[in-house]
PDB file of all heavy atoms in Angstrom:
ATOM      1  N   LYS A   1     -10.252  -6.545   3.330  1.00  0.00           N
ATOM      2  CA  LYS A   1     -11.423  -5.683   3.266  1.00  0.00           C
ATOM      3  C   LYS A   1     -11.301  -4.781   2.041  1.00  0.00           C
ATOM      4  O   LYS A   1     -10.196  -4.300   1.736  1.00  0.00           O
ATOM      5  CB  LYS A   1     -11.533  -4.803   4.524  1.00  0.00           C
ATOM      6  CG  LYS A   1     -11.746  -5.575   5.825  1.00  0.00           C
ATOM      7  CD  LYS A   1     -13.131  -6.189   5.896  1.00  0.00           C
ATOM      8  CE  LYS A   1     -13.360  -6.886   7.239  1.00  0.00           C
ATOM      9  NZ  LYS A   1     -14.685  -7.516   7.310  1.00  0.00           N
ATOM     10  N   VAL A   2     -12.416  -4.577   1.351  1.00  0.00           N
ATOM     11  CA  VAL A   2     -12.441  -3.650   0.223  1.00  0.00           C
ATOM     12  C   VAL A   2     -13.176  -2.393   0.664  1.00  0.00           C
ATOM     13  O   VAL A   2     -14.343  -2.447   1.071  1.00  0.00           O
ATOM     14  CB  VAL A   2     -13.137  -4.266  -1.010  1.00  0.00           C
ATOM     15  CG1 VAL A   2     -13.206  -3.244  -2.142  1.00  0.00           C
ATOM     16  CG2 VAL A   2     -12.390  -5.516  -1.465  1.00  0.00           C
ATOM     17  N   ILE A   3     -12.476  -1.262   0.593  1.00  0.00           N
ATOM     18  CA  ILE A   3     -13.036   0.024   0.992  1.00  0.00           C
ATOM     19  C   ILE A   3     -12.794   1.015  -0.135  1.00  0.00           C
ATOM     20  O   ILE A   3     -11.645   1.223  -0.546  1.00  0.00           O
ATOM     21  CB  ILE A   3     -12.401   0.546   2.290  1.00  0.00           C
ATOM     22  CG1 ILE A   3     -12.575  -0.491   3.413  1.00  0.00           C
ATOM     23  CG2 ILE A   3     -13.011   1.893   2.697  1.00  0.00           C
ATOM     24  CD1 ILE A   3     -11.828  -0.137   4.684  1.00  0.00           C
ATOM     25  N   GLY A   4     -13.854   1.614  -0.657  1.00  0.00           N
ATOM     26  CA  GLY A   4     -13.707   2.582  -1.733  1.00  0.00           C
ATOM     27  C   GLY A   4     -13.049   2.012  -2.969  1.00  0.00           C
ATOM     28  O   GLY A   4     -12.327   2.715  -3.680  1.00  0.00           O
ATOM     29  N   GLY A   5     -13.285   0.734  -3.232  1.00  0.00           N
ATOM     30  CA  GLY A   5     -12.701   0.085  -4.397  1.00  0.00           C
ATOM     31  C   GLY A   5     -11.276  -0.367  -4.213  1.00  0.00           C
ATOM     32  O   GLY A   5     -10.694  -0.973  -5.123  1.00  0.00           O
ATOM     33  N   GLN A   6     -10.681  -0.126  -3.047  1.00  0.00           N
ATOM     34  CA  GLN A   6      -9.309  -0.537  -2.773  1.00  0.00           C
ATOM     35  C   GLN A   6      -9.312  -1.676  -1.752  1.00  0.00           C
ATOM     36  O   GLN A   6     -10.048  -1.628  -0.763  1.00  0.00           O
ATOM     37  CB  GLN A   6      -8.496   0.649  -2.230  1.00  0.00           C
ATOM     38  CG  GLN A   6      -8.358   1.825  -3.179  1.00  0.00           C
ATOM     39  CD  GLN A   6      -7.451   1.515  -4.349  1.00  0.00           C
ATOM     40  OE1 GLN A   6      -6.492   0.739  -4.223  1.00  0.00           O
ATOM     41  NE2 GLN A   6      -7.736   2.124  -5.497  1.00  0.00           N
ATOM     42  N   ARG A   7      -8.489  -2.694  -1.998  1.00  0.00           N
ATOM     43  CA  ARG A   7      -8.410  -3.810  -1.063  1.00  0.00           C
ATOM     44  C   ARG A   7      -7.270  -3.583  -0.060  1.00  0.00           C
ATOM     45  O   ARG A   7      -6.164  -3.183  -0.425  1.00  0.00           O
ATOM     46  CB  ARG A   7      -8.182  -5.132  -1.803  1.00  0.00           C
ATOM     47  CG  ARG A   7      -8.200  -6.358  -0.869  1.00  0.00           C
ATOM     48  CD  ARG A   7      -8.073  -7.653  -1.653  1.00  0.00           C
ATOM     49  NE  ARG A   7      -9.212  -7.875  -2.521  1.00  0.00           N
ATOM     50  CZ  ARG A   7     -10.385  -8.394  -2.109  1.00  0.00           C
ATOM     51  NH1 ARG A   7     -10.558  -8.737  -0.841  1.00  0.00           N
ATOM     52  NH2 ARG A   7     -11.359  -8.568  -2.975  1.00  0.00           N
ATOM     53  N   TYR A   8      -7.581  -3.851   1.195  1.00  0.00           N
ATOM     54  CA  TYR A   8      -6.616  -3.743   2.280  1.00  0.00           C
ATOM     55  C   TYR A   8      -6.521  -5.085   3.002  1.00  0.00           C
ATOM     56  O   TYR A   8      -7.463  -5.886   2.981  1.00  0.00           O
ATOM     57  CB  TYR A   8      -7.042  -2.656   3.285  1.00  0.00           C
ATOM     58  CG  TYR A   8      -7.186  -1.289   2.673  1.00  0.00           C
ATOM     59  CD1 TYR A   8      -8.395  -0.893   2.099  1.00  0.00           C
ATOM     60  CD2 TYR A   8      -6.124  -0.394   2.665  1.00  0.00           C
ATOM     61  CE1 TYR A   8      -8.532   0.367   1.527  1.00  0.00           C
ATOM     62  CE2 TYR A   8      -6.261   0.863   2.098  1.00  0.00           C
ATOM     63  CZ  TYR A   8      -7.460   1.234   1.527  1.00  0.00           C
ATOM     64  OH  TYR A   8      -7.585   2.478   0.960  1.00  0.00           O
ATOM     65  N   TRP A   9      -5.382  -5.283   3.664  1.00  0.00           N
ATOM     66  CA  TRP A   9      -5.175  -6.506   4.436  1.00  0.00           C
ATOM     67  C   TRP A   9      -4.922  -6.168   5.896  1.00  0.00           C
ATOM     68  O   TRP A   9      -4.185  -5.216   6.206  1.00  0.00           O
ATOM     69  CB  TRP A   9      -4.002  -7.311   3.880  1.00  0.00           C
ATOM     70  CG  TRP A   9      -4.339  -7.999   2.597  1.00  0.00           C
ATOM     71  CD1 TRP A   9      -4.119  -7.541   1.332  1.00  0.00           C
ATOM     72  CD2 TRP A   9      -5.002  -9.254   2.453  1.00  0.00           C
ATOM     73  NE1 TRP A   9      -4.595  -8.430   0.402  1.00  0.00           N
ATOM     74  CE2 TRP A   9      -5.147  -9.498   1.056  1.00  0.00           C
ATOM     75  CE3 TRP A   9      -5.489 -10.196   3.357  1.00  0.00           C
ATOM     76  CZ2 TRP A   9      -5.744 -10.650   0.564  1.00  0.00           C
ATOM     77  CZ3 TRP A   9      -6.087 -11.351   2.863  1.00  0.00           C
ATOM     78  CH2 TRP A   9      -6.211 -11.562   1.473  1.00  0.00           C
ATOM     79  N   ARG A  10      -5.542  -6.954   6.768  1.00  0.00           N
ATOM     80  CA  ARG A  10      -5.338  -6.829   8.212  1.00  0.00           C
ATOM     81  C   ARG A  10      -4.558  -8.049   8.685  1.00  0.00           C
ATOM     82  O   ARG A  10      -5.048  -9.175   8.642  1.00  0.00           O
ATOM     83  CB  ARG A  10      -6.689  -6.743   8.922  1.00  0.00           C
ATOM     84  CG  ARG A  10      -7.492  -5.515   8.539  1.00  0.00           C
ATOM     85  CD  ARG A  10      -8.960  -5.657   8.924  1.00  0.00           C
ATOM     86  NE  ARG A  10      -9.141  -5.923  10.345  1.00  0.00           N
ATOM     87  CZ  ARG A  10     -10.295  -6.306  10.888  1.00  0.00           C
ATOM     88  NH1 ARG A  10     -11.357  -6.501  10.111  1.00  0.00           N
ATOM     89  NH2 ARG A  10     -10.387  -6.511  12.178  1.00  0.00           N
ATOM     90  N   LEU A  11      -3.323  -7.808   9.107  1.00  0.00           N
ATOM     91  CA  LEU A  11      -2.446  -8.893   9.539  1.00  0.00           C
ATOM     92  C   LEU A  11      -2.366  -8.902  11.063  1.00  0.00           C
ATOM     93  O   LEU A  11      -2.050  -7.870  11.674  1.00  0.00           O
ATOM     94  CB  LEU A  11      -1.035  -8.720   8.970  1.00  0.00           C
ATOM     95  CG  LEU A  11      -0.766  -9.212   7.553  1.00  0.00           C
ATOM     96  CD1 LEU A  11      -1.611  -8.446   6.535  1.00  0.00           C
ATOM     97  CD2 LEU A  11       0.710  -9.061   7.213  1.00  0.00           C
ATOM     98  N   PRO A  12      -2.632 -10.037  11.687  1.00  0.00           N
ATOM     99  CA  PRO A  12      -2.507 -10.099  13.149  1.00  0.00           C
ATOM    100  C   PRO A  12      -1.043 -10.036  13.572  1.00  0.00           C
ATOM    101  O   PRO A  12      -0.190 -10.732  13.021  1.00  0.00           O
ATOM    102  CB  PRO A  12      -3.131 -11.453  13.494  1.00  0.00           C
ATOM    103  CG  PRO A  12      -2.954 -12.278  12.259  1.00  0.00           C
ATOM    104  CD  PRO A  12      -3.059 -11.325  11.111  1.00  0.00           C
ATOM    105  N   VAL A  13      -0.766  -9.182  14.535  1.00  0.00           N
ATOM    106  CA  VAL A  13       0.569  -9.076  15.132  1.00  0.00           C
ATOM    107  C   VAL A  13       0.399  -9.074  16.654  1.00  0.00           C
ATOM    108  O   VAL A  13      -0.713  -8.929  17.160  1.00  0.00           O
ATOM    109  CB  VAL A  13       1.310  -7.805  14.657  1.00  0.00           C
ATOM    110  CG1 VAL A  13       1.645  -7.899  13.184  1.00  0.00           C
ATOM    111  CG2 VAL A  13       0.491  -6.542  14.934  1.00  0.00           C
ATOM    112  N   MET A  14       1.475  -9.219  17.381  1.00  0.00           N
ATOM    113  CA  MET A  14       1.383  -9.351  18.838  1.00  0.00           C
ATOM    114  C   MET A  14       0.780  -8.117  19.498  1.00  0.00           C
ATOM    115  O   MET A  14       0.183  -8.219  20.575  1.00  0.00           O
ATOM    116  CB  MET A  14       2.763  -9.656  19.415  1.00  0.00           C
ATOM    117  CG  MET A  14       3.322 -11.009  18.972  1.00  0.00           C
ATOM    118  SD  MET A  14       4.828 -11.465  19.840  1.00  0.00           S
ATOM    119  CE  MET A  14       5.948 -10.169  19.313  1.00  0.00           C
ATOM    120  N   GLU A  15       0.915  -6.984  18.862  1.00  0.00           N
ATOM    121  CA  GLU A  15       0.396  -5.727  19.400  1.00  0.00           C
ATOM    122  C   GLU A  15      -1.083  -5.529  19.061  1.00  0.00           C
ATOM    123  O   GLU A  15      -1.791  -4.789  19.728  1.00  0.00           O
ATOM    124  CB  GLU A  15       1.238  -4.578  18.819  1.00  0.00           C
ATOM    125  CG  GLU A  15       0.752  -3.192  19.085  1.00  0.00           C
ATOM    126  CD  GLU A  15       1.271  -2.215  18.050  1.00  0.00           C
ATOM    127  OE1 GLU A  15       1.019  -2.431  16.842  1.00  0.00           O
ATOM    128  OE2 GLU A  15       1.924  -1.256  18.447  1.00  0.00           O
ATOM    129  N   GLY A  16      -1.554  -6.173  17.975  1.00  0.00           N
ATOM    130  CA  GLY A  16      -2.927  -6.001  17.519  1.00  0.00           C
ATOM    131  C   GLY A  16      -3.049  -6.377  16.060  1.00  0.00           C
ATOM    132  O   GLY A  16      -3.031  -7.557  15.701  1.00  0.00           O
ATOM    133  N   GLU A  17      -3.125  -5.363  15.165  1.00  0.00           N
ATOM    134  CA  GLU A  17      -3.213  -5.608  13.731  1.00  0.00           C
ATOM    135  C   GLU A  17      -2.345  -4.628  12.956  1.00  0.00           C
ATOM    136  O   GLU A  17      -2.172  -3.476  13.362  1.00  0.00           O
ATOM    137  CB  GLU A  17      -4.663  -5.467  13.230  1.00  0.00           C
ATOM    138  CG  GLU A  17      -5.581  -6.584  13.640  1.00  0.00           C
ATOM    139  CD  GLU A  17      -6.957  -6.452  12.995  1.00  0.00           C
ATOM    140  OE1 GLU A  17      -7.366  -5.312  12.679  1.00  0.00           O
ATOM    141  OE2 GLU A  17      -7.607  -7.490  12.802  1.00  0.00           O
ATOM    142  N   PHE A  18      -1.825  -5.110  11.838  1.00  0.00           N
ATOM    143  CA  PHE A  18      -1.111  -4.266  10.885  1.00  0.00           C
ATOM    144  C   PHE A  18      -1.977  -4.145   9.647  1.00  0.00           C
ATOM    145  O   PHE A  18      -2.347  -5.146   9.029  1.00  0.00           O
ATOM    146  CB  PHE A  18       0.240  -4.881  10.526  1.00  0.00           C
ATOM    147  CG  PHE A  18       0.989  -4.146   9.441  1.00  0.00           C
ATOM    148  CD1 PHE A  18       1.367  -2.825   9.598  1.00  0.00           C
ATOM    149  CD2 PHE A  18       1.317  -4.790   8.244  1.00  0.00           C
ATOM    150  CE1 PHE A  18       2.058  -2.149   8.603  1.00  0.00           C
ATOM    151  CE2 PHE A  18       2.007  -4.128   7.249  1.00  0.00           C
ATOM    152  CZ  PHE A  18       2.381  -2.797   7.427  1.00  0.00           C
ATOM    153  N   LEU A  19      -2.329  -2.932   9.270  1.00  0.00           N
ATOM    154  CA  LEU A  19      -3.177  -2.669   8.122  1.00  0.00           C
ATOM    155  C   LEU A  19      -2.325  -2.147   6.973  1.00  0.00           C
ATOM    156  O   LEU A  19      -1.532  -1.216   7.158  1.00  0.00           O
ATOM    157  CB  LEU A  19      -4.240  -1.624   8.489  1.00  0.00           C
ATOM    158  CG  LEU A  19      -5.188  -1.171   7.377  1.00  0.00           C
ATOM    159  CD1 LEU A  19      -6.050  -2.326   6.888  1.00  0.00           C
ATOM    160  CD2 LEU A  19      -6.059  -0.013   7.861  1.00  0.00           C
ATOM    161  N   LEU A  20      -2.482  -2.749   5.778  1.00  0.00           N
ATOM    162  CA  LEU A  20      -1.738  -2.259   4.624  1.00  0.00           C
ATOM    163  C   LEU A  20      -2.542  -2.436   3.348  1.00  0.00           C
ATOM    164  O   LEU A  20      -3.424  -3.304   3.255  1.00  0.00           O
ATOM    165  CB  LEU A  20      -0.384  -2.953   4.472  1.00  0.00           C
ATOM    166  CG  LEU A  20      -0.322  -4.326   3.780  1.00  0.00           C
ATOM    167  CD1 LEU A  20       1.089  -4.575   3.279  1.00  0.00           C
ATOM    168  CD2 LEU A  20      -0.762  -5.426   4.706  1.00  0.00           C
ATOM    169  N   SER A  21      -2.218  -1.606   2.365  1.00  0.00           N
ATOM    170  CA  SER A  21      -2.838  -1.708   1.045  1.00  0.00           C
ATOM    171  C   SER A  21      -2.359  -2.979   0.357  1.00  0.00           C
ATOM    172  O   SER A  21      -1.204  -3.389   0.506  1.00  0.00           O
ATOM    173  CB  SER A  21      -2.468  -0.500   0.187  1.00  0.00           C
ATOM    174  OG  SER A  21      -2.943   0.700   0.748  1.00  0.00           O
ATOM    175  N   GLU A  22      -3.255  -3.591  -0.431  1.00  0.00           N
ATOM    176  CA  GLU A  22      -2.858  -4.788  -1.174  1.00  0.00           C
ATOM    177  C   GLU A  22      -1.917  -4.450  -2.317  1.00  0.00           C
ATOM    178  O   GLU A  22      -0.966  -5.170  -2.600  1.00  0.00           O
ATOM    179  CB  GLU A  22      -4.079  -5.505  -1.733  1.00  0.00           C
ATOM    180  CG  GLU A  22      -3.690  -6.720  -2.581  1.00  0.00           C
ATOM    181  CD  GLU A  22      -4.876  -7.541  -3.039  1.00  0.00           C
ATOM    182  OE1 GLU A  22      -5.543  -7.122  -4.008  1.00  0.00           O
ATOM    183  OE2 GLU A  22      -5.127  -8.595  -2.424  1.00  0.00           O
ATOM    184  N   SER A  23      -2.168  -3.319  -2.995  1.00  0.00           N
ATOM    185  CA  SER A  23      -1.347  -2.960  -4.149  1.00  0.00           C
ATOM    186  C   SER A  23      -0.911  -1.502  -4.049  1.00  0.00           C
ATOM    187  O   SER A  23      -1.520  -0.697  -3.332  1.00  0.00           O
ATOM    188  CB  SER A  23      -2.105  -3.193  -5.459  1.00  0.00           C
ATOM    189  OG  SER A  23      -3.220  -2.322  -5.550  1.00  0.00           O
ATOM    190  N   PHE A  24       0.138  -1.185  -4.801  1.00  0.00           N
ATOM    191  CA  PHE A  24       0.703   0.158  -4.799  1.00  0.00           C
ATOM    192  C   PHE A  24       0.841   0.650  -6.239  1.00  0.00           C
ATOM    193  O   PHE A  24       1.287  -0.092  -7.122  1.00  0.00           O
ATOM    194  CB  PHE A  24       2.068   0.160  -4.100  1.00  0.00           C
ATOM    195  CG  PHE A  24       1.983  -0.177  -2.637  1.00  0.00           C
ATOM    196  CD1 PHE A  24       1.996  -1.502  -2.218  1.00  0.00           C
ATOM    197  CD2 PHE A  24       1.849   0.821  -1.695  1.00  0.00           C
ATOM    198  CE1 PHE A  24       1.890  -1.826  -0.876  1.00  0.00           C
ATOM    199  CE2 PHE A  24       1.745   0.509  -0.349  1.00  0.00           C
ATOM    200  CZ  PHE A  24       1.760  -0.813   0.069  1.00  0.00           C
ATOM    201  N   GLY A  25       0.449   1.897  -6.454  1.00  0.00           N
ATOM    202  CA  GLY A  25       0.520   2.471  -7.782  1.00  0.00           C
ATOM    203  C   GLY A  25       1.947   2.733  -8.233  1.00  0.00           C
ATOM    204  O   GLY A  25       2.836   2.962  -7.419  1.00  0.00           O
ATOM    205  N   VAL A  26       2.144   2.686  -9.555  1.00  0.00           N
ATOM    206  CA  VAL A  26       3.456   2.926 -10.148  1.00  0.00           C
ATOM    207  C   VAL A  26       3.371   4.122 -11.090  1.00  0.00           C
ATOM    208  O   VAL A  26       2.491   4.173 -11.959  1.00  0.00           O
ATOM    209  CB  VAL A  26       3.959   1.697 -10.939  1.00  0.00           C
ATOM    210  CG1 VAL A  26       5.323   1.977 -11.553  1.00  0.00           C
ATOM    211  CG2 VAL A  26       4.016   0.477 -10.038  1.00  0.00           C
ATOM    212  N   GLN A  27       4.266   5.062 -10.902  1.00  0.00           N
ATOM    213  CA  GLN A  27       4.405   6.191 -11.836  1.00  0.00           C
ATOM    214  C   GLN A  27       5.519   5.815 -12.809  1.00  0.00           C
ATOM    215  O   GLN A  27       6.687   5.744 -12.434  1.00  0.00           O
ATOM    216  CB  GLN A  27       4.768   7.467 -11.073  1.00  0.00           C
ATOM    217  CG  GLN A  27       5.043   8.681 -11.945  1.00  0.00           C
ATOM    218  CD  GLN A  27       3.778   9.282 -12.523  1.00  0.00           C
ATOM    219  OE1 GLN A  27       2.755   9.295 -11.874  1.00  0.00           O
ATOM    220  NE2 GLN A  27       3.857   9.761 -13.743  1.00  0.00           N
ATOM    221  N   LYS A  28       5.165   5.559 -14.072  1.00  0.00           N
ATOM    222  CA  LYS A  28       6.151   5.010 -15.010  1.00  0.00           C
ATOM    223  C   LYS A  28       7.140   6.038 -15.542  1.00  0.00           C
ATOM    224  O   LYS A  28       8.284   5.706 -15.828  1.00  0.00           O
ATOM    225  CB  LYS A  28       5.425   4.334 -16.174  1.00  0.00           C
ATOM    226  CG  LYS A  28       4.842   2.970 -15.811  1.00  0.00           C
ATOM    227  CD  LYS A  28       4.405   2.209 -17.038  1.00  0.00           C
ATOM    228  CE  LYS A  28       4.038   0.781 -16.685  1.00  0.00           C
ATOM    229  NZ  LYS A  28       3.627  -0.006 -17.870  1.00  0.00           N
ATOM    230  N   LYS A  29       6.722   7.272 -15.708  1.00  0.00           N
ATOM    231  CA  LYS A  29       7.613   8.278 -16.301  1.00  0.00           C
ATOM    232  C   LYS A  29       8.152   9.224 -15.238  1.00  0.00           C
ATOM    233  O   LYS A  29       8.062  10.435 -15.359  1.00  0.00           O
ATOM    234  CB  LYS A  29       6.885   9.043 -17.398  1.00  0.00           C
ATOM    235  CG  LYS A  29       6.564   8.192 -18.612  1.00  0.00           C
ATOM    236  CD  LYS A  29       5.943   9.013 -19.734  1.00  0.00           C
ATOM    237  CE  LYS A  29       5.655   8.156 -20.952  1.00  0.00           C
ATOM    238  NZ  LYS A  29       5.050   8.932 -22.057  1.00  0.00           N
ATOM    239  N   SER A  30       8.698   8.643 -14.192  1.00  0.00           N
ATOM    240  CA  SER A  30       9.337   9.461 -13.165  1.00  0.00           C
ATOM    241  C   SER A  30      10.792   9.705 -13.551  1.00  0.00           C
ATOM    242  O   SER A  30      11.313   9.109 -14.491  1.00  0.00           O
ATOM    243  CB  SER A  30       9.235   8.768 -11.804  1.00  0.00           C
ATOM    244  OG  SER A  30       9.844   7.491 -11.858  1.00  0.00           O
ATOM    245  N   VAL A  31      11.437  10.604 -12.818  1.00  0.00           N
ATOM    246  CA  VAL A  31      12.772  11.074 -13.207  1.00  0.00           C
ATOM    247  C   VAL A  31      13.715  11.001 -12.014  1.00  0.00           C
ATOM    248  O   VAL A  31      13.388  11.455 -10.918  1.00  0.00           O
ATOM    249  CB  VAL A  31      12.709  12.536 -13.713  1.00  0.00           C
ATOM    250  CG1 VAL A  31      14.070  12.964 -14.251  1.00  0.00           C
ATOM    251  CG2 VAL A  31      11.636  12.691 -14.785  1.00  0.00           C
ATOM    252  N   ALA A  32      14.897  10.453 -12.232  1.00  0.00           N
ATOM    253  CA  ALA A  32      15.922  10.427 -11.194  1.00  0.00           C
ATOM    254  C   ALA A  32      17.207  11.042 -11.726  1.00  0.00           C
ATOM    255  O   ALA A  32      17.479  11.006 -12.920  1.00  0.00           O
ATOM    256  CB  ALA A  32      16.181   9.005 -10.728  1.00  0.00           C
ATOM    257  N   GLY A  33      17.985  11.608 -10.837  1.00  0.00           N
ATOM    258  CA  GLY A  33      19.298  12.109 -11.212  1.00  0.00           C
ATOM    259  C   GLY A  33      19.362  13.581 -11.551  1.00  0.00           C
ATOM    260  O   GLY A  33      20.403  14.064 -12.010  1.00  0.00           O
ATOM    261  N   GLY A  34      18.279  14.337 -11.326  1.00  0.00           N
ATOM    262  CA  GLY A  34      18.401  15.785 -11.462  1.00  0.00           C
ATOM    263  C   GLY A  34      19.449  16.284 -10.481  1.00  0.00           C
ATOM    264  O   GLY A  34      19.488  15.822  -9.334  1.00  0.00           O
ATOM    265  N   ASN A  35      20.306  17.186 -10.891  1.00  0.00           N
ATOM    266  CA  ASN A  35      21.394  17.581  -9.988  1.00  0.00           C
ATOM    267  C   ASN A  35      21.899  18.983 -10.262  1.00  0.00           C
ATOM    268  O   ASN A  35      21.714  19.511 -11.361  1.00  0.00           O
ATOM    269  CB  ASN A  35      22.557  16.593 -10.105  1.00  0.00           C
ATOM    270  CG  ASN A  35      23.341  16.767 -11.395  1.00  0.00           C
ATOM    271  OD1 ASN A  35      24.237  17.611 -11.494  1.00  0.00           O
ATOM    272  ND2 ASN A  35      22.991  15.976 -12.415  1.00  0.00           N
TER     273      ASN A  35
END
């Protein structure tokens, strides 16, 4: 399903449905190791 320009997927599971985003954004200039 496309909602607000974003595509989501509905996966059938034994409990009902699992809803998740199709894609995930990437922050390229993030920082690790501050200490």
